[in-house]
Amino acid sequence: MDKSALNIVKLGEEKSDFAYWQSQSYAMRLAALETIRAEYNTWKYGTKQGFQRVYRITQFKQG
């Protein structure tokens, strides 16, 4: 993702992002989505990430 490009426009005069994202490859869109997801999780939950609970079945009784 190119973060060096910066365009300043007046509020209400900005273009729709839809055309831009449609022109990007599937892999590029998925990478951007993963970046957004990771940033959100860091903001919401802090730096520690992982499973909240671990379940284990110790004995299975059929019948």
N, C-alpha and C. Protein backbone atom coordinates (compact mmCIF):
# COMPACT_ATOMS: atom_id res chain seq x y z
N MET A 1 0.84 -1.17 0.00
CA MET A 1 0.00 0.00 0.00
C MET A 1 0.89 1.23 0.00
N ASP A 2 0.62 2.14 -0.92
CA ASP A 2 1.43 3.35 -1.05
C ASP A 2 0.92 4.40 -0.08
N LYS A 3 1.70 4.67 0.96
CA LYS A 3 1.31 5.67 1.95
C LYS A 3 1.98 7.02 1.69
N SER A 4 2.77 7.12 0.62
CA SER A 4 3.47 8.36 0.35
C SER A 4 2.60 9.35 -0.43
N ALA A 5 1.52 8.90 -1.04
CA ALA A 5 0.65 9.78 -1.81
C ALA A 5 -0.32 10.49 -0.87
N LEU A 6 -0.45 11.78 -1.02
CA LEU A 6 -1.35 12.57 -0.19
C LEU A 6 -2.04 13.60 -1.06
N ASN A 7 -3.36 13.59 -1.03
CA ASN A 7 -4.15 14.59 -1.75
C ASN A 7 -5.05 15.29 -0.76
N ILE A 8 -5.05 16.61 -0.80
CA ILE A 8 -5.90 17.40 0.08
C ILE A 8 -7.03 17.98 -0.76
N VAL A 9 -8.26 17.67 -0.36
CA VAL A 9 -9.43 18.18 -1.07
C VAL A 9 -10.41 18.75 -0.06
N LYS A 10 -11.31 19.60 -0.53
CA LYS A 10 -12.32 20.18 0.34
C LYS A 10 -13.37 19.14 0.67
N LEU A 11 -13.96 19.26 1.84
CA LEU A 11 -14.99 18.35 2.28
C LEU A 11 -16.18 18.42 1.32
N GLY A 12 -16.62 17.29 0.86
CA GLY A 12 -17.72 17.22 -0.09
C GLY A 12 -17.26 17.12 -1.53
N GLU A 13 -15.99 17.40 -1.78
CA GLU A 13 -15.45 17.32 -3.14
C GLU A 13 -14.60 16.07 -3.36
N GLU A 14 -14.53 15.22 -2.34
CA GLU A 14 -13.71 14.02 -2.46
C GLU A 14 -14.38 13.01 -3.40
N LYS A 15 -13.55 12.24 -4.08
CA LYS A 15 -14.05 11.22 -5.00
C LYS A 15 -14.41 9.97 -4.21
N SER A 16 -15.21 9.16 -4.82
CA SER A 16 -15.59 7.89 -4.19
C SER A 16 -14.41 6.93 -4.22
N ASP A 17 -14.22 6.20 -3.14
CA ASP A 17 -13.14 5.22 -3.08
C ASP A 17 -13.49 3.94 -3.82
N PHE A 18 -14.75 3.77 -4.18
CA PHE A 18 -15.20 2.53 -4.80
C PHE A 18 -14.44 2.23 -6.08
N ALA A 19 -14.29 3.21 -6.95
CA ALA A 19 -13.59 3.00 -8.22
C ALA A 19 -12.13 2.62 -7.99
N TYR A 20 -11.50 3.26 -7.00
CA TYR A 20 -10.10 2.94 -6.70
C TYR A 20 -9.96 1.49 -6.27
N TRP A 21 -10.80 1.06 -5.32
CA TRP A 21 -10.68 -0.30 -4.81
C TRP A 21 -11.08 -1.34 -5.84
N GLN A 22 -11.97 -1.00 -6.74
CA GLN A 22 -12.31 -1.93 -7.82
C GLN A 22 -11.14 -2.11 -8.78
N SER A 23 -10.30 -1.10 -8.91
CA SER A 23 -9.16 -1.20 -9.81
C SER A 23 -7.99 -1.98 -9.20
N GLN A 24 -8.02 -2.20 -7.89
CA GLN A 24 -6.94 -2.93 -7.21
C GLN A 24 -7.15 -4.43 -7.34
N SER A 25 -6.07 -5.17 -7.26
CA SER A 25 -6.16 -6.63 -7.33
C SER A 25 -6.79 -7.19 -6.07
N TYR A 26 -7.26 -8.41 -6.19
CA TYR A 26 -7.88 -9.08 -5.04
C TYR A 26 -6.90 -9.17 -3.87
N ALA A 27 -5.66 -9.52 -4.17
CA ALA A 27 -4.64 -9.66 -3.12
C ALA A 27 -4.38 -8.31 -2.43
N MET A 28 -4.36 -7.23 -3.19
CA MET A 28 -4.12 -5.90 -2.63
C MET A 28 -5.29 -5.49 -1.72
N ARG A 29 -6.50 -5.77 -2.16
CA ARG A 29 -7.67 -5.43 -1.33
C ARG A 29 -7.68 -6.24 -0.05
N LEU A 30 -7.32 -7.51 -0.15
CA LEU A 30 -7.28 -8.37 1.03
C LEU A 30 -6.19 -7.93 2.00
N ALA A 31 -5.04 -7.52 1.47
CA ALA A 31 -3.95 -7.02 2.32
C ALA A 31 -4.37 -5.74 3.04
N ALA A 32 -5.08 -4.85 2.36
CA ALA A 32 -5.55 -3.62 3.00
C ALA A 32 -6.57 -3.94 4.09
N LEU A 33 -7.44 -4.89 3.83
CA LEU A 33 -8.43 -5.29 4.83
C LEU A 33 -7.76 -5.89 6.05
N GLU A 34 -6.73 -6.69 5.85
CA GLU A 34 -5.99 -7.28 6.97
C GLU A 34 -5.29 -6.20 7.79
N THR A 35 -4.76 -5.17 7.13
CA THR A 35 -4.13 -4.06 7.83
C THR A 35 -5.14 -3.33 8.70
N ILE A 36 -6.32 -3.07 8.14
CA ILE A 36 -7.38 -2.40 8.90
C ILE A 36 -7.80 -3.26 10.09
N ARG A 37 -7.95 -4.57 9.87
CA ARG A 37 -8.34 -5.48 10.95
C ARG A 37 -7.31 -5.48 12.06
N ALA A 38 -6.03 -5.54 11.71
CA ALA A 38 -4.97 -5.57 12.70
C ALA A 38 -4.92 -4.26 13.49
N GLU A 39 -5.08 -3.14 12.81
CA GLU A 39 -5.07 -1.84 13.50
C GLU A 39 -6.26 -1.72 14.44
N TYR A 40 -7.42 -2.19 14.02
CA TYR A 40 -8.61 -2.14 14.88
C TYR A 40 -8.42 -3.01 16.12
N ASN A 41 -7.90 -4.22 15.93
CA ASN A 41 -7.69 -5.12 17.07
C ASN A 41 -6.68 -4.55 18.05
N THR A 42 -5.63 -3.91 17.54
CA THR A 42 -4.64 -3.29 18.42
C THR A 42 -5.29 -2.14 19.20
N TRP A 43 -6.11 -1.34 18.53
CA TRP A 43 -6.79 -0.23 19.21
C TRP A 43 -7.79 -0.74 20.23
N LYS A 44 -8.57 -1.76 19.88
CA LYS A 44 -9.64 -2.24 20.74
C LYS A 44 -9.12 -3.10 21.89
N TYR A 45 -8.17 -3.99 21.61
CA TYR A 45 -7.76 -4.98 22.60
C TYR A 45 -6.33 -4.82 23.09
N GLY A 46 -5.60 -3.86 22.58
CA GLY A 46 -4.21 -3.69 22.98
C GLY A 46 -3.31 -4.61 22.16
N THR A 47 -2.08 -4.77 22.62
CA THR A 47 -1.11 -5.54 21.84
C THR A 47 -1.24 -7.03 22.02
N LYS A 48 -1.85 -7.49 23.12
CA LYS A 48 -1.96 -8.93 23.30
C LYS A 48 -3.14 -9.47 22.50
N GLN A 49 -2.85 -10.44 21.69
CA GLN A 49 -3.87 -11.09 20.90
C GLN A 49 -3.73 -12.58 21.08
N GLY A 50 -4.82 -13.25 20.98
CA GLY A 50 -4.80 -14.70 21.11
C GLY A 50 -6.17 -15.21 21.46
N PHE A 51 -6.25 -16.46 21.76
CA PHE A 51 -7.52 -17.07 22.09
C PHE A 51 -7.91 -16.65 23.50
N GLN A 52 -9.18 -16.38 23.69
CA GLN A 52 -9.66 -16.03 25.01
C GLN A 52 -9.89 -17.28 25.85
N ARG A 53 -10.31 -18.34 25.22
CA ARG A 53 -10.60 -19.58 25.94
C ARG A 53 -10.08 -20.77 25.15
N VAL A 54 -9.72 -21.80 25.86
CA VAL A 54 -9.31 -23.05 25.23
C VAL A 54 -10.16 -24.16 25.84
N TYR A 55 -10.85 -24.88 24.98
CA TYR A 55 -11.69 -25.98 25.44
C TYR A 55 -11.05 -27.30 25.06
N ARG A 56 -11.20 -28.28 25.93
CA ARG A 56 -10.66 -29.60 25.65
C ARG A 56 -11.67 -30.65 26.13
N ILE A 57 -11.97 -31.59 25.26
CA ILE A 57 -12.85 -32.69 25.61
C ILE A 57 -11.96 -33.80 26.17
N THR A 58 -12.18 -34.16 27.42
CA THR A 58 -11.33 -35.16 28.04
C THR A 58 -11.91 -36.55 27.93
N GLN A 59 -13.23 -36.64 27.87
CA GLN A 59 -13.84 -37.96 27.76
C GLN A 59 -15.15 -37.80 27.01
N PHE A 60 -15.38 -38.67 26.06
CA PHE A 60 -16.59 -38.63 25.26
C PHE A 60 -17.39 -39.89 25.54
N LYS A 61 -18.60 -39.71 26.03
CA LYS A 61 -19.45 -40.84 26.32
C LYS A 61 -20.57 -40.87 25.30
N GLN A 62 -20.65 -41.97 24.57
CA GLN A 62 -21.64 -42.09 23.53
C GLN A 62 -22.88 -42.80 24.09
N GLY A 63 -24.05 -42.30 23.75
CA GLY A 63 -25.23 -43.04 24.11
C GLY A 63 -26.16 -42.28 24.88
